[in-house]
Amino acid sequence: MSQEEDRAGQDDGDELRSLTQIVDRTLRETRRDQVAVADVLDAFGHASFAPLLLVPAIAVVTPLSGIPAFSAFSGILIFLIASQWLVGRDHIWLPQWVSRRHVAGDRLAAAMRKIRPWAQRVDRHTRPRLRFLFHRPFRFLPPLACTLFGAMMPFLELVPFSSSLLGAAVVLLSLSMLTRDGLFALVALVPVGGVGWAIATLIS
């Protein structure tokens, strides 16, 4: 394995290698009354690109997406993290107005608890597969796709289900990088197709 691939693996963050671990670490942060983006960033580490992409992506497929402008903000956060991963930054930098944004700890806890059984089921089916997708030139496609999906989410907030579908695609892409399971990167095409269908239905 090349040094570049070793570095990509390190970017995935400490011992975190499953969706359930991401959910559980996020749950630990919900002991606070208000959980700020900066709190989550500190909890996962500033070089943990895939885990930190998973947190807003998971959140946007939960009932938290019903909070006004929550999906748009999640998209901005996904864009900022994924774009820095794409260009090869060692650490994530976020502007203060993003870092200070927060959500009530009890609401975030409720959302994470709802998603946890689903996360456990997904984890049972992850294993290293289609590893060629994590070599050049394909290894740049997941962060590139996450960057594009994050950028689209604020503009598609009024399109029914589109933000949640794009969030699901980011979850699958980030999980594929975290677990080196290329099958999940391919499965991400399904929610993307759903977004295309929703847009086509809206404008037809």
N, C-alpha and C. Protein backbone atom coordinates (compact mmCIF):
# COMPACT_ATOMS: atom_id res chain seq x y z
N MET A 1 0.86 -1.19 0.00
CA MET A 1 0.00 0.00 0.00
C MET A 1 0.89 1.24 0.00
N SER A 2 0.56 2.26 -0.78
CA SER A 2 1.37 3.45 -0.91
C SER A 2 1.25 4.34 0.31
N GLN A 3 2.20 5.31 0.46
CA GLN A 3 2.13 6.26 1.56
C GLN A 3 0.86 7.09 1.47
N GLU A 4 0.46 7.41 0.25
CA GLU A 4 -0.75 8.21 0.07
C GLU A 4 -1.98 7.47 0.57
N GLU A 5 -2.04 6.15 0.30
CA GLU A 5 -3.17 5.36 0.76
C GLU A 5 -3.14 5.20 2.27
N ASP A 6 -1.90 5.07 2.85
CA ASP A 6 -1.79 5.00 4.30
C ASP A 6 -2.31 6.27 4.94
N ARG A 7 -1.99 7.41 4.32
CA ARG A 7 -2.45 8.68 4.85
C ARG A 7 -3.96 8.80 4.76
N ALA A 8 -4.52 8.30 3.66
CA ALA A 8 -5.99 8.33 3.53
C ALA A 8 -6.63 7.52 4.63
N GLY A 9 -6.03 6.37 4.98
CA GLY A 9 -6.57 5.57 6.07
C GLY A 9 -6.48 6.28 7.39
N GLN A 10 -5.36 7.02 7.63
CA GLN A 10 -5.23 7.77 8.87
C GLN A 10 -6.26 8.87 8.96
N ASP A 11 -6.60 9.47 7.82
CA ASP A 11 -7.60 10.53 7.81
C ASP A 11 -8.95 10.05 8.31
N ASP A 12 -9.18 8.75 8.25
CA ASP A 12 -10.47 8.23 8.66
C ASP A 12 -10.68 8.27 10.16
N GLY A 13 -9.63 8.51 10.92
CA GLY A 13 -9.83 8.86 12.32
C GLY A 13 -9.68 7.76 13.32
N ASP A 14 -8.51 7.73 14.01
CA ASP A 14 -8.26 6.87 15.16
C ASP A 14 -8.73 5.44 14.90
N GLU A 15 -9.43 4.88 15.92
CA GLU A 15 -9.87 3.48 15.83
C GLU A 15 -11.26 3.36 15.22
N LEU A 16 -11.85 4.48 14.83
CA LEU A 16 -13.21 4.45 14.32
C LEU A 16 -13.27 3.73 12.99
N ARG A 17 -14.01 2.64 12.97
CA ARG A 17 -14.12 1.85 11.75
C ARG A 17 -15.55 1.35 11.53
N SER A 18 -16.53 1.97 12.19
CA SER A 18 -17.91 1.53 11.98
C SER A 18 -18.86 2.69 12.19
N LEU A 19 -20.04 2.55 11.61
CA LEU A 19 -21.07 3.57 11.74
C LEU A 19 -21.57 3.65 13.18
N THR A 20 -21.67 2.52 13.85
CA THR A 20 -22.13 2.51 15.24
C THR A 20 -21.18 3.28 16.14
N GLN A 21 -19.88 3.15 15.90
CA GLN A 21 -18.91 3.90 16.69
C GLN A 21 -19.09 5.41 16.51
N ILE A 22 -19.40 5.83 15.29
CA ILE A 22 -19.63 7.26 15.02
C ILE A 22 -20.85 7.73 15.80
N VAL A 23 -21.92 6.95 15.75
CA VAL A 23 -23.14 7.31 16.47
C VAL A 23 -22.89 7.37 17.97
N ASP A 24 -22.18 6.37 18.51
CA ASP A 24 -21.93 6.33 19.95
C ASP A 24 -21.07 7.50 20.42
N ARG A 25 -20.06 7.86 19.62
CA ARG A 25 -19.23 8.99 20.03
C ARG A 25 -20.02 10.29 19.97
N THR A 26 -20.91 10.41 19.00
CA THR A 26 -21.77 11.59 18.94
C THR A 26 -22.71 11.63 20.14
N LEU A 27 -23.24 10.47 20.51
CA LEU A 27 -24.13 10.40 21.67
C LEU A 27 -23.44 10.88 22.94
N ARG A 28 -22.15 10.59 23.08
CA ARG A 28 -21.43 11.04 24.27
C ARG A 28 -21.42 12.56 24.38
N GLU A 29 -21.43 13.22 23.24
CA GLU A 29 -21.41 14.68 23.24
C GLU A 29 -22.77 15.27 23.61
N THR A 30 -23.83 14.46 23.54
CA THR A 30 -25.17 14.99 23.81
C THR A 30 -25.46 15.14 25.29
N ARG A 31 -24.48 14.87 26.14
CA ARG A 31 -24.66 15.13 27.56
C ARG A 31 -24.73 16.63 27.83
N ARG A 32 -24.24 17.42 26.87
CA ARG A 32 -24.32 18.87 26.99
C ARG A 32 -25.74 19.33 26.67
N ASP A 33 -26.12 20.49 27.22
CA ASP A 33 -27.43 21.07 26.88
C ASP A 33 -27.47 21.48 25.42
N GLN A 34 -26.37 22.06 24.95
CA GLN A 34 -26.25 22.47 23.57
C GLN A 34 -24.96 21.87 23.00
N VAL A 35 -25.06 21.24 21.84
CA VAL A 35 -23.89 20.64 21.21
C VAL A 35 -23.51 21.48 19.99
N ALA A 36 -22.36 22.11 20.07
CA ALA A 36 -21.89 22.95 18.97
C ALA A 36 -21.07 22.11 17.99
N VAL A 37 -20.95 22.62 16.77
CA VAL A 37 -20.12 21.95 15.77
C VAL A 37 -18.69 21.81 16.28
N ALA A 38 -18.20 22.82 16.98
CA ALA A 38 -16.84 22.76 17.52
C ALA A 38 -16.67 21.62 18.51
N ASP A 39 -17.72 21.31 19.28
CA ASP A 39 -17.65 20.20 20.24
C ASP A 39 -17.47 18.87 19.52
N VAL A 40 -18.20 18.69 18.43
CA VAL A 40 -18.09 17.45 17.66
C VAL A 40 -16.73 17.36 16.99
N LEU A 41 -16.25 18.50 16.48
CA LEU A 41 -14.93 18.54 15.84
C LEU A 41 -13.85 18.12 16.83
N ASP A 42 -13.93 18.62 18.04
CA ASP A 42 -12.95 18.26 19.06
C ASP A 42 -13.07 16.79 19.47
N ALA A 43 -14.30 16.27 19.50
CA ALA A 43 -14.52 14.89 19.92
C ALA A 43 -13.93 13.89 18.94
N PHE A 44 -14.00 14.21 17.65
CA PHE A 44 -13.52 13.27 16.63
C PHE A 44 -12.09 13.54 16.20
N GLY A 45 -11.62 14.75 16.41
CA GLY A 45 -10.27 15.10 15.96
C GLY A 45 -10.33 15.85 14.64
N HIS A 46 -9.46 16.82 14.51
CA HIS A 46 -9.50 17.71 13.35
C HIS A 46 -8.99 17.06 12.06
N ALA A 47 -8.48 15.84 12.15
CA ALA A 47 -8.01 15.13 10.95
C ALA A 47 -8.91 13.95 10.59
N SER A 48 -10.06 13.85 11.26
CA SER A 48 -10.96 12.71 11.05
C SER A 48 -12.01 13.05 10.00
N PHE A 49 -11.61 13.08 8.76
CA PHE A 49 -12.50 13.56 7.71
C PHE A 49 -13.74 12.70 7.51
N ALA A 50 -13.56 11.39 7.35
CA ALA A 50 -14.71 10.52 7.10
C ALA A 50 -15.69 10.51 8.28
N PRO A 51 -15.23 10.33 9.53
CA PRO A 51 -16.18 10.38 10.65
C PRO A 51 -16.92 11.70 10.74
N LEU A 52 -16.21 12.81 10.52
CA LEU A 52 -16.86 14.11 10.63
C LEU A 52 -17.82 14.38 9.48
N LEU A 53 -17.60 13.77 8.35
CA LEU A 53 -18.59 13.85 7.26
C LEU A 53 -19.84 13.06 7.62
N LEU A 54 -19.64 11.95 8.31
CA LEU A 54 -20.77 11.10 8.66
C LEU A 54 -21.74 11.76 9.63
N VAL A 55 -21.23 12.59 10.54
CA VAL A 55 -22.11 13.16 11.57
C VAL A 55 -23.21 14.04 10.97
N PRO A 56 -22.90 15.07 10.17
CA PRO A 56 -23.99 15.86 9.59
C PRO A 56 -24.82 15.08 8.58
N ALA A 57 -24.17 14.14 7.88
CA ALA A 57 -24.91 13.34 6.89
C ALA A 57 -25.93 12.45 7.57
N ILE A 58 -25.54 11.82 8.69
CA ILE A 58 -26.49 11.00 9.45
C ILE A 58 -27.61 11.88 9.99
N ALA A 59 -27.24 13.04 10.53
CA ALA A 59 -28.23 13.93 11.14
C ALA A 59 -29.30 14.35 10.15
N VAL A 60 -28.90 14.57 8.89
CA VAL A 60 -29.85 15.09 7.92
C VAL A 60 -30.82 14.02 7.42
N VAL A 61 -30.55 12.75 7.72
CA VAL A 61 -31.52 11.71 7.36
C VAL A 61 -32.41 11.34 8.54
N THR A 62 -32.26 12.06 9.66
CA THR A 62 -33.11 11.86 10.83
C THR A 62 -34.17 12.95 10.89
N PRO A 63 -35.08 12.90 11.88
CA PRO A 63 -36.08 13.97 12.01
C PRO A 63 -35.50 15.36 12.24
N LEU A 64 -34.20 15.46 12.56
CA LEU A 64 -33.58 16.78 12.69
C LEU A 64 -33.67 17.59 11.40
N SER A 65 -33.81 16.90 10.28
CA SER A 65 -33.92 17.61 9.00
C SER A 65 -35.18 18.47 8.94
N GLY A 66 -36.12 18.25 9.86
CA GLY A 66 -37.33 19.07 9.91
C GLY A 66 -37.11 20.44 10.51
N ILE A 67 -35.95 20.66 11.17
CA ILE A 67 -35.63 21.97 11.72
C ILE A 67 -35.37 22.92 10.55
N PRO A 68 -36.00 24.09 10.53
CA PRO A 68 -35.79 25.03 9.41
C PRO A 68 -34.31 25.34 9.19
N ALA A 69 -33.89 25.23 7.95
CA ALA A 69 -32.52 25.52 7.50
C ALA A 69 -31.49 24.51 7.99
N PHE A 70 -31.92 23.47 8.72
CA PHE A 70 -30.95 22.49 9.21
C PHE A 70 -30.28 21.74 8.06
N SER A 71 -31.07 21.35 7.06
CA SER A 71 -30.51 20.61 5.93
C SER A 71 -29.53 21.47 5.14
N ALA A 72 -29.87 22.75 4.98
CA ALA A 72 -28.98 23.66 4.25
C ALA A 72 -27.66 23.82 4.99
N PHE A 73 -27.74 23.99 6.32
CA PHE A 73 -26.52 24.13 7.11
C PHE A 73 -25.69 22.85 7.06
N SER A 74 -26.35 21.70 7.14
CA SER A 74 -25.64 20.42 7.06
C SER A 74 -24.91 20.30 5.73
N GLY A 75 -25.56 20.75 4.66
CA GLY A 75 -24.93 20.72 3.35
C GLY A 75 -23.68 21.58 3.30
N ILE A 76 -23.76 22.77 3.90
CA ILE A 76 -22.58 23.65 3.95
C ILE A 76 -21.45 22.98 4.72
N LEU A 77 -21.80 22.35 5.84
CA LEU A 77 -20.79 21.68 6.66
C LEU A 77 -20.16 20.51 5.90
N ILE A 78 -20.98 19.73 5.22
CA ILE A 78 -20.47 18.62 4.40
C ILE A 78 -19.54 19.15 3.31
N PHE A 79 -19.95 20.23 2.67
CA PHE A 79 -19.13 20.82 1.61
C PHE A 79 -17.77 21.27 2.14
N LEU A 80 -17.76 21.94 3.29
CA LEU A 80 -16.50 22.46 3.84
C LEU A 80 -15.55 21.32 4.22
N ILE A 81 -16.09 20.26 4.83
CA ILE A 81 -15.24 19.14 5.24
C ILE A 81 -14.75 18.36 4.02
N ALA A 82 -15.67 18.02 3.12
CA ALA A 82 -15.30 17.19 1.96
C ALA A 82 -14.34 17.91 1.03
N SER A 83 -14.52 19.21 0.82
CA SER A 83 -13.65 19.95 -0.09
C SER A 83 -12.22 20.01 0.45
N GLN A 84 -12.08 20.14 1.79
CA GLN A 84 -10.74 20.16 2.38
C GLN A 84 -10.08 18.79 2.30
N TRP A 85 -10.90 17.74 2.44
CA TRP A 85 -10.38 16.37 2.26
C TRP A 85 -9.91 16.17 0.82
N LEU A 86 -10.69 16.69 -0.11
CA LEU A 86 -10.40 16.51 -1.53
C LEU A 86 -9.08 17.15 -1.92
N VAL A 87 -8.80 18.34 -1.38
CA VAL A 87 -7.57 19.04 -1.76
C VAL A 87 -6.37 18.61 -0.92
N GLY A 88 -6.57 17.68 0.03
CA GLY A 88 -5.45 17.10 0.74
C GLY A 88 -5.00 17.83 1.98
N ARG A 89 -5.89 18.61 2.61
CA ARG A 89 -5.51 19.26 3.86
C ARG A 89 -5.31 18.21 4.96
N ASP A 90 -4.41 18.50 5.89
CA ASP A 90 -4.15 17.59 7.00
C ASP A 90 -5.18 17.73 8.11
N HIS A 91 -5.70 18.93 8.29
CA HIS A 91 -6.65 19.20 9.36
C HIS A 91 -7.82 20.02 8.83
N ILE A 92 -8.95 19.83 9.46
CA ILE A 92 -10.16 20.54 9.05
C ILE A 92 -10.19 21.92 9.70
N TRP A 93 -10.46 22.92 8.89
CA TRP A 93 -10.67 24.27 9.39
C TRP A 93 -12.10 24.68 9.07
N LEU A 94 -12.79 25.26 10.05
CA LEU A 94 -14.14 25.75 9.85
C LEU A 94 -14.23 27.20 10.33
N PRO A 95 -14.96 28.04 9.61
CA PRO A 95 -15.15 29.42 10.08
C PRO A 95 -15.92 29.44 11.40
N GLN A 96 -15.72 30.49 12.17
CA GLN A 96 -16.33 30.55 13.50
C GLN A 96 -17.84 30.49 13.45
N TRP A 97 -18.45 31.10 12.42
CA TRP A 97 -19.91 31.10 12.38
C TRP A 97 -20.46 29.69 12.17
N VAL A 98 -19.64 28.81 11.60
CA VAL A 98 -20.04 27.40 11.46
C VAL A 98 -19.75 26.67 12.76
N SER A 99 -18.57 26.85 13.32
CA SER A 99 -18.17 26.14 14.54
C SER A 99 -19.09 26.42 15.71
N ARG A 100 -19.66 27.64 15.76
CA ARG A 100 -20.49 28.02 16.89
C ARG A 100 -21.94 27.57 16.78
N ARG A 101 -22.34 27.15 15.59
CA ARG A 101 -23.72 26.67 15.44
C ARG A 101 -23.93 25.45 16.30
N HIS A 102 -25.13 25.35 16.88
CA HIS A 102 -25.37 24.25 17.82
C HIS A 102 -26.79 23.73 17.68
N VAL A 103 -27.00 22.58 18.28
CA VAL A 103 -28.32 21.95 18.34
C VAL A 103 -28.52 21.46 19.76
N ALA A 104 -29.77 21.42 20.19
CA ALA A 104 -30.06 20.96 21.56
C ALA A 104 -29.57 19.53 21.75
N GLY A 105 -28.90 19.29 22.87
CA GLY A 105 -28.35 17.96 23.13
C GLY A 105 -29.40 16.87 23.15
N ASP A 106 -30.58 17.16 23.72
CA ASP A 106 -31.60 16.12 23.81
C ASP A 106 -32.17 15.77 22.44
N ARG A 107 -32.28 16.76 21.55
CA ARG A 107 -32.78 16.49 20.20
C ARG A 107 -31.78 15.67 19.41
N LEU A 108 -30.50 16.01 19.55
CA LEU A 108 -29.47 15.25 18.85
C LEU A 108 -29.39 13.83 19.39
N ALA A 109 -29.53 13.67 20.71
CA ALA A 109 -29.50 12.34 21.32
C ALA A 109 -30.66 11.48 20.80
N ALA A 110 -31.85 12.06 20.73
CA ALA A 110 -33.01 11.31 20.25
C ALA A 110 -32.80 10.86 18.81
N ALA A 111 -32.24 11.74 17.98
CA ALA A 111 -32.00 11.39 16.58
C ALA A 111 -30.97 10.27 16.46
N MET A 112 -29.89 10.35 17.23
CA MET A 112 -28.84 9.33 17.17
C MET A 112 -29.35 7.98 17.68
N ARG A 113 -30.20 8.00 18.70
CA ARG A 113 -30.74 6.73 19.22
C ARG A 113 -31.65 6.06 18.20
N LYS A 114 -32.38 6.86 17.43
CA LYS A 114 -33.24 6.29 16.40
C LYS A 114 -32.43 5.64 15.29
N ILE A 115 -31.28 6.23 14.99
CA ILE A 115 -30.49 5.73 13.87
C ILE A 115 -29.58 4.58 14.28
N ARG A 116 -29.33 4.40 15.60
CA ARG A 116 -28.35 3.42 16.05
C ARG A 116 -28.67 1.98 15.64
N PRO A 117 -29.92 1.48 15.79
CA PRO A 117 -30.20 0.11 15.35
C PRO A 117 -29.94 -0.08 13.86
N TRP A 118 -30.26 0.93 13.07
CA TRP A 118 -29.99 0.86 11.63
C TRP A 118 -28.48 0.81 11.39
N ALA A 119 -27.72 1.62 12.14
CA ALA A 119 -26.27 1.63 12.00
C ALA A 119 -25.68 0.26 12.32
N GLN A 120 -26.20 -0.39 13.35
CA GLN A 120 -25.70 -1.72 13.71
C GLN A 120 -25.96 -2.74 12.60
N ARG A 121 -27.13 -2.64 11.96
CA ARG A 121 -27.44 -3.56 10.86
C ARG A 121 -26.50 -3.33 9.68
N VAL A 122 -26.24 -2.07 9.38
CA VAL A 122 -25.32 -1.75 8.28
C VAL A 122 -23.92 -2.29 8.58
N ASP A 123 -23.46 -2.10 9.81
CA ASP A 123 -22.10 -2.52 10.18
C ASP A 123 -21.91 -4.03 10.01
N ARG A 124 -22.97 -4.79 10.21
CA ARG A 124 -22.85 -6.25 10.07
C ARG A 124 -22.56 -6.67 8.63
N HIS A 125 -22.79 -5.77 7.69
CA HIS A 125 -22.61 -6.12 6.28
C HIS A 125 -21.41 -5.43 5.64
N THR A 126 -20.61 -4.71 6.42
CA THR A 126 -19.45 -4.04 5.85
C THR A 126 -18.21 -4.92 5.96
N ARG A 127 -17.42 -4.92 4.91
CA ARG A 127 -16.13 -5.61 4.90
C ARG A 127 -15.35 -5.08 3.69
N PRO A 128 -14.05 -5.21 3.68
CA PRO A 128 -13.27 -4.71 2.54
C PRO A 128 -13.69 -5.40 1.25
N ARG A 129 -14.16 -4.60 0.30
CA ARG A 129 -14.58 -5.10 -1.01
C ARG A 129 -14.26 -4.07 -2.08
N LEU A 130 -14.06 -4.52 -3.31
CA LEU A 130 -13.83 -3.63 -4.44
C LEU A 130 -12.77 -2.58 -4.10
N ARG A 131 -11.66 -3.06 -3.57
CA ARG A 131 -10.63 -2.16 -3.06
C ARG A 131 -9.98 -1.31 -4.15
N PHE A 132 -10.15 -1.68 -5.41
CA PHE A 132 -9.57 -0.88 -6.49
C PHE A 132 -10.17 0.53 -6.50
N LEU A 133 -11.36 0.67 -5.91
CA LEU A 133 -11.99 1.99 -5.87
C LEU A 133 -11.25 2.97 -4.96
N PHE A 134 -10.32 2.46 -4.15
CA PHE A 134 -9.57 3.32 -3.23
C PHE A 134 -8.14 3.53 -3.69
N HIS A 135 -7.90 3.22 -4.97
CA HIS A 135 -6.62 3.52 -5.61
C HIS A 135 -6.85 4.61 -6.65
N ARG A 136 -5.77 5.27 -7.03
CA ARG A 136 -5.88 6.26 -8.09
C ARG A 136 -6.41 5.59 -9.36
N PRO A 137 -7.25 6.28 -10.15
CA PRO A 137 -7.78 7.63 -9.94
C PRO A 137 -9.10 7.65 -9.16
N PHE A 138 -9.61 6.46 -8.81
CA PHE A 138 -10.96 6.37 -8.25
C PHE A 138 -11.05 6.91 -6.82
N ARG A 139 -9.93 6.90 -6.07
CA ARG A 139 -10.00 7.26 -4.66
C ARG A 139 -10.44 8.70 -4.43
N PHE A 140 -10.33 9.54 -5.46
CA PHE A 140 -10.76 10.93 -5.31
C PHE A 140 -12.26 11.12 -5.54
N LEU A 141 -12.91 10.10 -6.07
CA LEU A 141 -14.33 10.25 -6.42
C LEU A 141 -15.24 10.40 -5.20
N PRO A 142 -15.09 9.60 -4.12
CA PRO A 142 -15.99 9.79 -2.97
C PRO A 142 -15.92 11.19 -2.35
N PRO A 143 -14.72 11.74 -2.04
CA PRO A 143 -14.72 13.11 -1.50
C PRO A 143 -15.22 14.14 -2.50
N LEU A 144 -14.96 13.91 -3.79
CA LEU A 144 -15.47 14.84 -4.80
C LEU A 144 -16.99 14.81 -4.83
N ALA A 145 -17.56 13.61 -4.81
CA ALA A 145 -19.02 13.48 -4.82
C ALA A 145 -19.63 14.11 -3.57
N CYS A 146 -19.00 13.89 -2.40
CA CYS A 146 -19.52 14.49 -1.16
C CYS A 146 -19.46 16.01 -1.23
N THR A 147 -18.40 16.55 -1.83
CA THR A 147 -18.29 18.00 -1.99
C THR A 147 -19.44 18.54 -2.83
N LEU A 148 -19.72 17.87 -3.94
CA LEU A 148 -20.80 18.30 -4.83
C LEU A 148 -22.17 18.17 -4.16
N PHE A 149 -22.39 17.06 -3.47
CA PHE A 149 -23.69 16.85 -2.82
C PHE A 149 -23.91 17.88 -1.71
N GLY A 150 -22.85 18.17 -0.95
CA GLY A 150 -22.98 19.18 0.09
C GLY A 150 -23.32 20.54 -0.49
N ALA A 151 -22.68 20.89 -1.61
CA ALA A 151 -22.95 22.17 -2.26
C ALA A 151 -24.38 22.25 -2.78
N MET A 152 -24.94 21.12 -3.20
CA MET A 152 -26.30 21.10 -3.75
C MET A 152 -27.38 21.22 -2.68
N MET A 153 -27.12 20.73 -1.50
CA MET A 153 -28.17 20.61 -0.49
C MET A 153 -28.85 21.92 -0.12
N PRO A 154 -28.12 23.04 0.05
CA PRO A 154 -28.84 24.28 0.38
C PRO A 154 -29.80 24.72 -0.71
N PHE A 155 -29.48 24.40 -1.97
CA PHE A 155 -30.32 24.83 -3.09
C PHE A 155 -31.51 23.90 -3.30
N LEU A 156 -31.44 22.70 -2.74
CA LEU A 156 -32.50 21.71 -2.96
C LEU A 156 -33.38 21.52 -1.72
N GLU A 157 -33.26 22.40 -0.75
CA GLU A 157 -33.99 22.21 0.50
C GLU A 157 -35.50 22.19 0.28
N LEU A 158 -35.97 22.89 -0.74
CA LEU A 158 -37.42 22.93 -0.99
C LEU A 158 -37.90 21.77 -1.84
N VAL A 159 -36.96 20.95 -2.35
CA VAL A 159 -37.34 19.77 -3.13
C VAL A 159 -37.57 18.63 -2.15
N PRO A 160 -38.78 18.08 -2.08
CA PRO A 160 -39.09 17.06 -1.07
C PRO A 160 -38.11 15.90 -1.05
N PHE A 161 -37.62 15.56 0.12
CA PHE A 161 -36.75 14.41 0.38
C PHE A 161 -35.35 14.52 -0.22
N SER A 162 -35.07 15.56 -1.00
CA SER A 162 -33.79 15.61 -1.70
C SER A 162 -32.61 15.71 -0.73
N SER A 163 -32.74 16.54 0.31
CA SER A 163 -31.63 16.70 1.25
C SER A 163 -31.35 15.39 1.99
N SER A 164 -32.41 14.70 2.39
CA SER A 164 -32.22 13.43 3.09
C SER A 164 -31.60 12.37 2.17
N LEU A 165 -31.99 12.38 0.90
CA LEU A 165 -31.42 11.42 -0.04
C LEU A 165 -29.94 11.72 -0.29
N LEU A 166 -29.61 13.00 -0.45
CA LEU A 166 -28.20 13.35 -0.64
C LEU A 166 -27.42 13.05 0.64
N GLY A 167 -28.04 13.28 1.79
CA GLY A 167 -27.39 12.93 3.05
C GLY A 167 -27.11 11.44 3.12
N ALA A 168 -28.06 10.63 2.68
CA ALA A 168 -27.86 9.17 2.66
C ALA A 168 -26.71 8.79 1.74
N ALA A 169 -26.60 9.48 0.60
CA ALA A 169 -25.49 9.20 -0.32
C ALA A 169 -24.15 9.54 0.32
N VAL A 170 -24.09 10.66 1.06
CA VAL A 170 -22.85 11.03 1.74
C VAL A 170 -22.51 10.01 2.83
N VAL A 171 -23.53 9.53 3.55
CA VAL A 171 -23.31 8.48 4.56
C VAL A 171 -22.65 7.26 3.90
N LEU A 172 -23.21 6.82 2.80
CA LEU A 172 -22.69 5.62 2.13
C LEU A 172 -21.28 5.83 1.61
N LEU A 173 -21.02 6.99 1.02
CA LEU A 173 -19.69 7.27 0.48
C LEU A 173 -18.66 7.38 1.60
N SER A 174 -19.01 8.08 2.67
CA SER A 174 -18.08 8.23 3.79
C SER A 174 -17.83 6.89 4.46
N LEU A 175 -18.89 6.09 4.60
CA LEU A 175 -18.74 4.77 5.21
C LEU A 175 -17.85 3.88 4.34
N SER A 176 -17.97 4.01 3.03
CA SER A 176 -17.12 3.20 2.15
C SER A 176 -15.65 3.54 2.36
N MET A 177 -15.35 4.83 2.57
CA MET A 177 -13.96 5.23 2.82
C MET A 177 -13.50 4.78 4.20
N LEU A 178 -14.41 4.81 5.16
CA LEU A 178 -14.06 4.43 6.53
C LEU A 178 -13.77 2.94 6.64
N THR A 179 -14.53 2.12 5.93
CA THR A 179 -14.43 0.66 6.05
C THR A 179 -13.72 0.00 4.88
N ARG A 180 -13.37 0.80 3.87
CA ARG A 180 -12.78 0.30 2.62
C ARG A 180 -13.70 -0.71 1.93
N ASP A 181 -14.99 -0.44 2.00
CA ASP A 181 -15.99 -1.29 1.34
C ASP A 181 -16.53 -0.54 0.13
N GLY A 182 -15.98 -0.85 -1.03
CA GLY A 182 -16.37 -0.15 -2.25
C GLY A 182 -17.80 -0.39 -2.67
N LEU A 183 -18.41 -1.46 -2.18
CA LEU A 183 -19.80 -1.73 -2.54
C LEU A 183 -20.71 -0.59 -2.08
N PHE A 184 -20.41 -0.02 -0.91
CA PHE A 184 -21.26 1.06 -0.40
C PHE A 184 -21.12 2.32 -1.25
N ALA A 185 -19.96 2.53 -1.86
CA ALA A 185 -19.80 3.66 -2.77
C ALA A 185 -20.71 3.50 -3.99
N LEU A 186 -20.84 2.28 -4.46
CA LEU A 186 -21.72 2.02 -5.61
C LEU A 186 -23.19 2.13 -5.22
N VAL A 187 -23.53 1.66 -4.02
CA VAL A 187 -24.91 1.73 -3.54
C VAL A 187 -25.34 3.19 -3.38
N ALA A 188 -24.38 4.09 -3.18
CA ALA A 188 -24.69 5.52 -3.04
C ALA A 188 -25.36 6.09 -4.28
N LEU A 189 -25.22 5.40 -5.40
CA LEU A 189 -25.87 5.86 -6.63
C LEU A 189 -27.39 5.79 -6.54
N VAL A 190 -27.90 4.92 -5.65
CA VAL A 190 -29.36 4.76 -5.54
C VAL A 190 -30.02 6.03 -5.01
N PRO A 191 -29.60 6.59 -3.84
CA PRO A 191 -30.23 7.83 -3.40
C PRO A 191 -29.97 9.00 -4.35
N VAL A 192 -28.83 9.00 -5.04
CA VAL A 192 -28.58 10.07 -6.01
C VAL A 192 -29.60 9.99 -7.14
N GLY A 193 -29.90 8.77 -7.57
CA GLY A 193 -30.94 8.60 -8.58
C GLY A 193 -32.29 9.08 -8.08
N GLY A 194 -32.55 8.87 -6.78
CA GLY A 194 -33.80 9.36 -6.19
C GLY A 194 -33.89 10.87 -6.22
N VAL A 195 -32.78 11.55 -6.02
CA VAL A 195 -32.78 13.02 -6.10
C VAL A 195 -33.10 13.47 -7.52
N GLY A 196 -32.48 12.80 -8.49
CA GLY A 196 -32.76 13.14 -9.88
C GLY A 196 -34.24 12.95 -10.23
N TRP A 197 -34.81 11.88 -9.71
CA TRP A 197 -36.24 11.63 -9.96
C TRP A 197 -37.10 12.71 -9.31
N ALA A 198 -36.76 13.11 -8.07
CA ALA A 198 -37.52 14.13 -7.36
C ALA A 198 -37.48 15.47 -8.09
N ILE A 199 -36.30 15.83 -8.59
CA ILE A 199 -36.16 17.09 -9.31
C ILE A 199 -36.95 17.05 -10.61
N ALA A 200 -36.84 15.92 -11.32
CA ALA A 200 -37.55 15.78 -12.59
C ALA A 200 -39.06 15.85 -12.37
N THR A 201 -39.54 15.24 -11.29
CA THR A 201 -40.97 15.27 -10.98
C THR A 201 -41.43 16.69 -10.65
N LEU A 202 -40.57 17.43 -9.94
CA LEU A 202 -40.93 18.78 -9.53
C LEU A 202 -41.05 19.73 -10.71
N ILE A 203 -40.16 19.59 -11.69
CA ILE A 203 -40.15 20.54 -12.80
C ILE A 203 -41.00 20.08 -13.99
N SER A 204 -41.54 18.86 -13.92
CA SER A 204 -42.34 18.36 -15.04
C SER A 204 -43.78 18.87 -14.96
